[in-house]
Amino acid sequence: VSVMTGIIKISLKTFLECVRLRTFGRYGLQQIQVDCHYLQMYLWRFVSDENLVHFLLDEIVGSSAHRCLDPSPMEQSVIEVICERG
């Protein structure tokens, strides 16, 4: 579990740094929201501290919203429906 936690932590921090280097449009932000929610649904099983996963994913969404030219976040209920279908 600790090895998986380390791998996931490094992966999410790398994802966060990639987001910080990009500029997003409205649909890019919405895609990041969907991707992070999907990851949040499944990654918690593989880590010892699920709060770390939630924190990093929230940072990714927040950073992408900050780097978005036209921030128009998607409704949480729509995100949940999209992730449940996948």
C-alpha atoms as a PDB file:
ATOM      1  CA  VAL A   1       0.000   0.000   0.000  1.00  0.00           C
ATOM      2  CA  SER A   2       2.793   2.462   0.807  1.00  0.00           C
ATOM      3  CA  VAL A   3       4.472   1.830  -2.555  1.00  0.00           C
ATOM      4  CA  MET A   4       1.182   2.445  -4.385  1.00  0.00           C
ATOM      5  CA  THR A   5       0.622   5.587  -2.304  1.00  0.00           C
ATOM      6  CA  GLY A   6       4.045   6.875  -3.331  1.00  0.00           C
ATOM      7  CA  ILE A   7       3.471   6.137  -7.012  1.00  0.00           C
ATOM      8  CA  ILE A   8       0.041   7.786  -6.993  1.00  0.00           C
ATOM      9  CA  LYS A   9       1.369  10.797  -5.084  1.00  0.00           C
ATOM     10  CA  ILE A  10       4.197  11.325  -7.592  1.00  0.00           C
ATOM     11  CA  SER A  11       1.802  10.856 -10.519  1.00  0.00           C
ATOM     12  CA  LEU A  12      -0.697  13.387  -9.190  1.00  0.00           C
ATOM     13  CA  LYS A  13       2.036  15.920  -8.426  1.00  0.00           C
ATOM     14  CA  THR A  14       3.325  15.508 -11.988  1.00  0.00           C
ATOM     15  CA  PHE A  15      -0.208  15.978 -13.308  1.00  0.00           C
ATOM     16  CA  LEU A  16      -0.487  19.149 -11.191  1.00  0.00           C
ATOM     17  CA  GLU A  17       2.751  20.533 -12.614  1.00  0.00           C
ATOM     18  CA  CYS A  18       1.594  19.787 -16.162  1.00  0.00           C
ATOM     19  CA  VAL A  19      -1.649  21.665 -15.472  1.00  0.00           C
ATOM     20  CA  ARG A  20       0.305  24.629 -14.102  1.00  0.00           C
ATOM     21  CA  LEU A  21       2.233  24.892 -17.362  1.00  0.00           C
ATOM     22  CA  ARG A  22      -0.860  24.990 -19.604  1.00  0.00           C
ATOM     23  CA  THR A  23      -3.599  27.444 -20.443  1.00  0.00           C
ATOM     24  CA  PHE A  24      -7.093  25.989 -20.718  1.00  0.00           C
ATOM     25  CA  GLY A  25     -10.301  26.875 -22.475  1.00  0.00           C
ATOM     26  CA  ARG A  26     -13.742  26.217 -21.039  1.00  0.00           C
ATOM     27  CA  TYR A  27     -13.910  22.634 -22.272  1.00  0.00           C
ATOM     28  CA  GLY A  28     -10.378  21.876 -21.111  1.00  0.00           C
ATOM     29  CA  LEU A  29     -11.361  22.897 -17.576  1.00  0.00           C
ATOM     30  CA  GLN A  30     -14.485  20.756 -17.748  1.00  0.00           C
ATOM     31  CA  GLN A  31     -12.457  17.766 -18.983  1.00  0.00           C
ATOM     32  CA  ILE A  32     -10.035  18.193 -16.067  1.00  0.00           C
ATOM     33  CA  GLN A  33     -13.018  18.267 -13.700  1.00  0.00           C
ATOM     34  CA  VAL A  34     -14.365  14.998 -15.118  1.00  0.00           C
ATOM     35  CA  ASP A  35     -10.926  13.339 -15.114  1.00  0.00           C
ATOM     36  CA  CYS A  36     -10.232  14.320 -11.504  1.00  0.00           C
ATOM     37  CA  HIS A  37     -13.639  13.151 -10.318  1.00  0.00           C
ATOM     38  CA  TYR A  38     -13.111   9.819 -12.067  1.00  0.00           C
ATOM     39  CA  LEU A  39      -9.691   9.448 -10.443  1.00  0.00           C
ATOM     40  CA  GLN A  40     -11.166  10.373  -7.072  1.00  0.00           C
ATOM     41  CA  MET A  41     -13.756   7.605  -7.428  1.00  0.00           C
ATOM     42  CA  TYR A  42     -11.133   4.885  -7.904  1.00  0.00           C
ATOM     43  CA  LEU A  43      -7.734   5.931  -6.529  1.00  0.00           C
ATOM     44  CA  TRP A  44      -8.739   6.016  -2.852  1.00  0.00           C
ATOM     45  CA  ARG A  45      -8.695   2.194  -2.771  1.00  0.00           C
ATOM     46  CA  PHE A  46      -4.986   2.062  -3.471  1.00  0.00           C
ATOM     47  CA  VAL A  47      -3.635   4.609  -0.960  1.00  0.00           C
ATOM     48  CA  SER A  48      -3.200   4.658   2.775  1.00  0.00           C
ATOM     49  CA  ASP A  49      -4.222   8.335   3.103  1.00  0.00           C
ATOM     50  CA  GLU A  50      -7.191   9.151   0.900  1.00  0.00           C
ATOM     51  CA  ASN A  51      -7.153  12.781   2.071  1.00  0.00           C
ATOM     52  CA  LEU A  52      -3.885  13.207   0.172  1.00  0.00           C
ATOM     53  CA  VAL A  53      -5.574  12.078  -3.058  1.00  0.00           C
ATOM     54  CA  HIS A  54      -8.533  14.409  -2.474  1.00  0.00           C
ATOM     55  CA  PHE A  55      -6.212  17.332  -1.719  1.00  0.00           C
ATOM     56  CA  LEU A  56      -4.055  16.834  -4.820  1.00  0.00           C
ATOM     57  CA  LEU A  57      -7.048  16.366  -7.114  1.00  0.00           C
ATOM     58  CA  ASP A  58      -8.671  19.512  -5.701  1.00  0.00           C
ATOM     59  CA  GLU A  59      -5.401  21.364  -6.325  1.00  0.00           C
ATOM     60  CA  ILE A  60      -5.391  20.153  -9.931  1.00  0.00           C
ATOM     61  CA  VAL A  61      -8.954  21.368 -10.540  1.00  0.00           C
ATOM     62  CA  GLY A  62      -8.252  24.668  -8.776  1.00  0.00           C
ATOM     63  CA  SER A  63      -5.079  25.239 -10.745  1.00  0.00           C
ATOM     64  CA  SER A  64      -6.790  24.482 -14.046  1.00  0.00           C
ATOM     65  CA  ALA A  65      -9.629  26.885 -13.155  1.00  0.00           C
ATOM     66  CA  HIS A  66      -7.033  29.546 -12.365  1.00  0.00           C
ATOM     67  CA  ARG A  67      -5.286  28.922 -15.705  1.00  0.00           C
ATOM     68  CA  CYS A  68      -8.526  28.945 -17.710  1.00  0.00           C
ATOM     69  CA  LEU A  69      -9.303  31.805 -20.099  1.00  0.00           C
ATOM     70  CA  ASP A  70     -13.081  31.354 -19.865  1.00  0.00           C
ATOM     71  CA  PRO A  71     -13.801  29.521 -16.602  1.00  0.00           C
ATOM     72  CA  SER A  72     -17.214  27.916 -16.762  1.00  0.00           C
ATOM     73  CA  PRO A  73     -17.167  24.919 -14.418  1.00  0.00           C
ATOM     74  CA  MET A  74     -19.462  21.997 -15.028  1.00  0.00           C
ATOM     75  CA  GLU A  75     -22.232  21.160 -12.555  1.00  0.00           C
ATOM     76  CA  GLN A  76     -21.234  18.456 -10.060  1.00  0.00           C
ATOM     77  CA  SER A  77     -24.326  16.378 -10.908  1.00  0.00           C
ATOM     78  CA  VAL A  78     -23.356  16.337 -14.601  1.00  0.00           C
ATOM     79  CA  ILE A  79     -19.812  15.277 -13.718  1.00  0.00           C
ATOM     80  CA  GLU A  80     -21.154  12.423 -11.594  1.00  0.00           C
ATOM     81  CA  VAL A  81     -23.433  11.188 -14.410  1.00  0.00           C
ATOM     82  CA  ILE A  82     -20.550  11.242 -16.896  1.00  0.00           C
ATOM     83  CA  CYS A  83     -18.270   9.294 -14.538  1.00  0.00           C
ATOM     84  CA  GLU A  84     -20.944   6.732 -13.661  1.00  0.00           C
ATOM     85  CA  ARG A  85     -21.451   5.912 -17.345  1.00  0.00           C
ATOM     86  CA  GLY A  86     -17.721   5.337 -17.889  1.00  0.00           C
END
